[in-house]
N, C-alpha and C. Protein backbone atom coordinates (compact mmCIF):
# COMPACT_ATOMS: atom_id res chain seq x y z
N MET A 1 17.05 8.30 -5.68
CA MET A 1 16.32 8.43 -6.64
C MET A 1 15.48 9.74 -6.50
N SER A 2 15.89 10.25 -8.17
CA SER A 2 15.10 11.89 -8.37
C SER A 2 13.57 11.54 -8.56
N VAL A 3 12.99 12.27 -7.94
CA VAL A 3 11.58 12.41 -7.51
C VAL A 3 11.23 14.06 -9.02
N PRO A 4 10.00 13.46 -9.97
CA PRO A 4 9.92 14.48 -10.83
C PRO A 4 9.12 15.46 -10.21
N LEU A 5 8.49 15.31 -9.02
CA LEU A 5 7.43 16.22 -8.31
C LEU A 5 7.86 16.76 -7.61
N LYS A 6 7.61 18.30 -7.50
CA LYS A 6 8.03 19.02 -6.24
C LYS A 6 6.82 19.51 -5.19
N PRO A 7 6.52 19.12 -3.96
CA PRO A 7 5.33 19.22 -3.50
C PRO A 7 5.67 20.67 -2.78
N VAL A 8 4.24 21.16 -2.93
CA VAL A 8 4.42 22.37 -2.13
C VAL A 8 3.27 22.43 -0.97
N ALA A 9 3.67 23.57 -0.23
CA ALA A 9 2.68 23.66 0.84
C ALA A 9 2.77 22.32 2.03
N ASP A 10 1.82 22.01 2.46
CA ASP A 10 1.96 20.43 3.14
C ASP A 10 1.87 19.34 2.77
N TYR A 11 2.47 19.44 1.65
CA TYR A 11 1.80 18.13 0.66
C TYR A 11 3.23 17.19 0.57
N ILE A 12 2.70 15.69 0.75
CA ILE A 12 4.13 14.98 0.64
C ILE A 12 3.54 13.94 -0.70
N VAL A 13 5.26 13.52 -1.62
CA VAL A 13 5.27 12.91 -2.27
C VAL A 13 6.00 11.65 -1.83
N ALA A 14 4.96 10.44 -2.01
CA ALA A 14 4.98 9.10 -1.71
C ALA A 14 5.06 7.85 -2.79
N ALA A 15 5.72 6.98 -2.41
CA ALA A 15 5.46 5.75 -3.63
C ALA A 15 5.07 4.56 -2.20
N VAL A 16 3.72 4.04 -3.04
CA VAL A 16 3.17 2.78 -2.39
C VAL A 16 4.10 1.79 -2.03
N GLU A 17 3.63 1.22 -1.56
CA GLU A 17 4.61 -0.62 -1.03
C GLU A 17 3.49 -1.15 -2.10
N GLU A 18 4.12 -2.29 -2.27
CA GLU A 18 3.83 -3.22 -2.99
C GLU A 18 2.95 -4.20 -1.99
N ALA A 19 1.87 -4.80 -2.24
CA ALA A 19 1.05 -5.56 -1.62
C ALA A 19 1.87 -7.03 -1.83
N ALA A 20 1.30 -7.53 -0.55
CA ALA A 20 2.13 -8.62 -0.24
C ALA A 20 1.24 -9.65 -1.28
N THR A 21 1.77 -10.42 -1.92
CA THR A 21 1.72 -11.55 -2.53
C THR A 21 1.52 -13.03 -1.88
N LYS A 22 1.68 -13.24 -0.87
CA LYS A 22 1.71 -14.51 0.00
C LYS A 22 1.89 -14.29 1.98
N THR A 23 0.62 -15.11 2.07
CA THR A 23 0.70 -15.08 3.23
C THR A 23 1.85 -15.15 4.02
N ALA A 24 1.90 -15.18 5.48
CA ALA A 24 3.21 -15.65 6.64
C ALA A 24 2.94 -17.45 6.20
N SER A 25 2.12 -17.81 6.62
CA SER A 25 2.35 -19.27 6.36
C SER A 25 2.92 -19.71 4.31
N GLY A 26 3.02 -18.97 4.08
CA GLY A 26 3.41 -19.62 2.58
C GLY A 26 2.55 -19.64 1.56
N LEU A 27 1.34 -19.11 1.84
CA LEU A 27 0.03 -19.56 0.82
C LEU A 27 -0.04 -18.27 0.01
N TYR A 28 0.15 -18.29 -1.85
CA TYR A 28 -0.01 -17.40 -2.47
C TYR A 28 -1.60 -16.55 -2.71
N LEU A 29 -1.47 -15.37 -2.65
CA LEU A 29 -2.57 -14.77 -2.67
C LEU A 29 -3.11 -14.34 -3.88
N PRO A 30 -4.35 -14.45 -4.50
CA PRO A 30 -4.71 -14.32 -6.06
C PRO A 30 -4.68 -12.76 -5.96
N SER A 31 -4.70 -12.21 -6.90
CA SER A 31 -4.45 -10.66 -7.20
C SER A 31 -5.67 -9.79 -6.80
N ALA A 32 -6.87 -10.61 -6.67
CA ALA A 32 -8.14 -9.99 -6.23
C ALA A 32 -8.38 -9.91 -5.02
N SER A 33 -7.99 -10.67 -4.69
CA SER A 33 -8.01 -10.87 -2.45
C SER A 33 -6.75 -10.22 -2.10
N GLN A 34 -5.76 -9.97 -2.64
CA GLN A 34 -4.85 -8.81 -2.01
C GLN A 34 -5.73 -7.54 -2.09
N GLU A 35 -4.98 -7.14 -0.62
CA GLU A 35 -5.17 -5.91 -0.15
C GLU A 35 -4.64 -4.77 -0.24
N LYS A 36 -5.32 -3.41 -0.85
CA LYS A 36 -4.26 -2.46 -1.28
C LYS A 36 -3.74 -1.97 -0.13
N PRO A 37 -2.47 -1.65 -0.21
CA PRO A 37 -1.82 -1.59 0.84
C PRO A 37 -1.69 0.10 1.51
N LYS A 38 -1.98 0.60 2.59
CA LYS A 38 -2.00 1.94 3.01
C LYS A 38 -0.87 2.80 3.30
N VAL A 39 0.62 1.76 3.15
CA VAL A 39 1.61 2.47 3.37
C VAL A 39 2.43 2.72 2.64
N ALA A 40 3.07 3.97 2.71
CA ALA A 40 3.97 4.52 1.30
C ALA A 40 5.19 4.78 1.83
N ASN A 41 6.45 5.19 1.24
CA ASN A 41 7.82 5.56 1.34
C ASN A 41 7.52 7.07 0.94
N VAL A 42 7.84 7.66 1.85
CA VAL A 42 8.33 9.43 1.44
C VAL A 42 9.13 9.74 0.44
N LEU A 43 9.35 10.38 -0.78
CA LEU A 43 9.95 10.47 -1.54
C LEU A 43 10.34 12.35 -1.48
N ALA A 44 9.56 12.86 -0.96
CA ALA A 44 9.88 14.35 -1.10
C ALA A 44 8.24 15.24 -0.08
N VAL A 45 8.84 16.36 0.41
CA VAL A 45 8.10 16.56 1.88
C VAL A 45 7.98 18.17 0.99
N GLY A 46 6.81 18.92 1.17
CA GLY A 46 6.78 20.29 0.98
C GLY A 46 7.35 21.07 2.17
N PRO A 47 7.54 22.39 2.31
CA PRO A 47 8.19 23.32 2.87
C PRO A 47 7.60 23.19 3.83
N ALA A 48 6.14 22.98 4.20
CA ALA A 48 5.57 23.28 5.61
C ALA A 48 5.20 22.29 6.20
N VAL A 49 5.62 21.30 6.22
CA VAL A 49 5.72 19.74 6.65
C VAL A 49 6.96 19.74 7.24
N GLN A 50 6.09 19.48 8.73
CA GLN A 50 7.13 19.38 10.06
C GLN A 50 6.99 17.93 10.68
N SER A 51 5.94 16.70 10.49
CA SER A 51 6.37 15.86 11.28
C SER A 51 6.82 14.84 10.33
N VAL A 52 7.19 14.85 9.36
CA VAL A 52 7.71 13.81 8.24
C VAL A 52 8.50 14.15 7.78
N LYS A 53 9.69 13.46 7.22
CA LYS A 53 10.55 13.92 6.46
C LYS A 53 10.89 12.45 5.61
N LYS A 54 11.51 13.32 4.29
CA LYS A 54 12.32 12.06 3.34
C LYS A 54 12.66 10.50 3.80
N GLY A 55 12.20 9.88 3.24
CA GLY A 55 12.38 8.07 3.83
C GLY A 55 11.59 7.63 4.73
N ASP A 56 10.56 8.46 5.41
CA ASP A 56 9.80 7.87 6.34
C ASP A 56 9.06 6.89 5.55
N LYS A 57 8.54 5.78 6.46
CA LYS A 57 7.23 5.03 6.21
C LYS A 57 6.06 5.86 6.60
N ILE A 58 5.13 6.01 5.86
CA ILE A 58 3.48 6.91 6.44
C ILE A 58 2.51 6.02 6.23
N VAL A 59 1.85 5.91 6.83
CA VAL A 59 0.23 5.33 7.08
C VAL A 59 -0.60 6.27 6.95
N TYR A 60 -1.49 6.18 5.43
CA TYR A 60 -2.38 7.26 5.14
C TYR A 60 -3.63 6.99 5.30
N LYS A 61 -4.66 8.06 5.16
CA LYS A 61 -6.17 7.51 4.90
C LYS A 61 -6.14 7.09 3.79
N SER A 62 -7.49 6.19 3.62
CA SER A 62 -8.22 5.58 2.43
C SER A 62 -8.65 6.77 2.10
N TYR A 63 -8.85 6.89 0.91
CA TYR A 63 -9.41 8.10 0.02
C TYR A 63 -8.92 9.54 -0.12
N SER A 64 -7.78 9.69 0.73
CA SER A 64 -7.42 11.32 1.23
C SER A 64 -6.69 11.31 -0.11
N GLN A 65 -5.61 10.93 -0.76
CA GLN A 65 -4.66 10.92 -1.46
C GLN A 65 -4.99 11.04 -3.26
N THR A 66 -4.33 11.75 -3.81
CA THR A 66 -4.36 12.09 -5.20
C THR A 66 -3.12 11.01 -5.83
N GLU A 67 -3.67 10.19 -6.83
CA GLU A 67 -2.69 9.15 -7.34
C GLU A 67 -2.22 9.89 -9.02
N ILE A 68 -0.90 9.95 -8.96
CA ILE A 68 -0.44 10.56 -10.79
C ILE A 68 0.62 9.22 -11.04
N LYS A 69 0.89 9.24 -12.32
CA LYS A 69 1.69 8.53 -12.97
C LYS A 69 2.38 9.69 -14.00
N VAL A 70 3.67 9.76 -13.48
CA VAL A 70 4.77 10.28 -14.25
C VAL A 70 5.73 9.39 -14.97
N ASP A 71 6.28 9.41 -15.87
CA ASP A 71 7.29 8.81 -16.41
C ASP A 71 7.04 7.18 -16.39
N GLY A 72 5.66 7.08 -16.49
CA GLY A 72 5.59 5.25 -15.87
C GLY A 72 5.58 5.00 -14.34
N LYS A 73 5.52 5.87 -13.78
CA LYS A 73 6.05 5.15 -12.21
C LYS A 73 4.84 6.21 -11.60
N GLU A 74 4.51 5.23 -10.76
CA GLU A 74 2.98 5.82 -9.69
C GLU A 74 3.46 6.29 -8.40
N TYR A 75 2.54 7.56 -8.09
CA TYR A 75 3.26 8.46 -7.20
C TYR A 75 1.76 8.73 -6.37
N LEU A 76 1.95 9.23 -4.99
CA LEU A 76 1.09 9.37 -4.09
C LEU A 76 1.28 10.80 -3.88
N LEU A 77 0.04 11.87 -3.70
CA LEU A 77 0.44 13.34 -2.93
C LEU A 77 -0.74 13.14 -2.57
N VAL A 78 -0.25 13.70 -0.72
CA VAL A 78 -1.09 13.02 0.37
C VAL A 78 -0.78 14.41 1.33
N GLN A 79 -1.82 15.23 1.64
CA GLN A 79 -1.52 16.04 2.67
C GLN A 79 -1.16 15.74 4.23
N GLU A 80 -0.06 16.40 4.69
CA GLU A 80 0.37 16.10 5.88
C GLU A 80 -0.80 15.55 7.36
N GLN A 81 -2.00 16.19 6.75
CA GLN A 81 -3.44 16.25 7.77
C GLN A 81 -3.71 14.89 7.43
N ASP A 82 -3.54 14.29 6.73
CA ASP A 82 -4.15 12.88 6.24
C ASP A 82 -3.23 11.65 6.42
N VAL A 83 -2.21 11.77 7.19
CA VAL A 83 -0.91 10.92 7.43
C VAL A 83 -1.51 10.35 9.10
N LEU A 84 -1.46 9.59 9.54
CA LEU A 84 -2.41 8.92 10.53
C LEU A 84 -1.04 8.51 11.36
N ALA A 85 0.20 8.28 10.82
CA ALA A 85 1.39 7.48 11.82
C ALA A 85 2.53 7.14 10.93
N THR A 86 4.02 7.04 11.39
CA THR A 86 5.17 6.75 10.60
C THR A 86 4.98 5.47 11.11
N VAL A 87 5.85 4.14 10.52
CA VAL A 87 6.25 3.53 10.53
C VAL A 87 7.53 3.17 11.23
N GLU A 88 7.86 2.94 12.41
CA GLU A 88 9.20 2.51 12.57
C GLU A 88 9.73 1.29 12.45
N ALA A 89 11.06 1.06 11.86
CA ALA A 89 11.61 -0.20 11.37
C ALA A 89 12.01 -0.95 12.56
């Protein structure tokens, strides 16, 4: 997948994971009660980023990211300092 954004400095370009539409027990959640996920897939990293690489899943701080839409797709720009953790599969 080609990303139309090239991050600079310590910025990370990521795509947010979709919110869960049903619970573990099988109940469907209405869109109003779905919690916005704070987990994203890393698509590209800037040259100064050291602890995260392309393909990682990250947990990021609330309200610290910049959301941008390019060619109909939504992306996040997050600074490396705002990444709280990586998710291991």
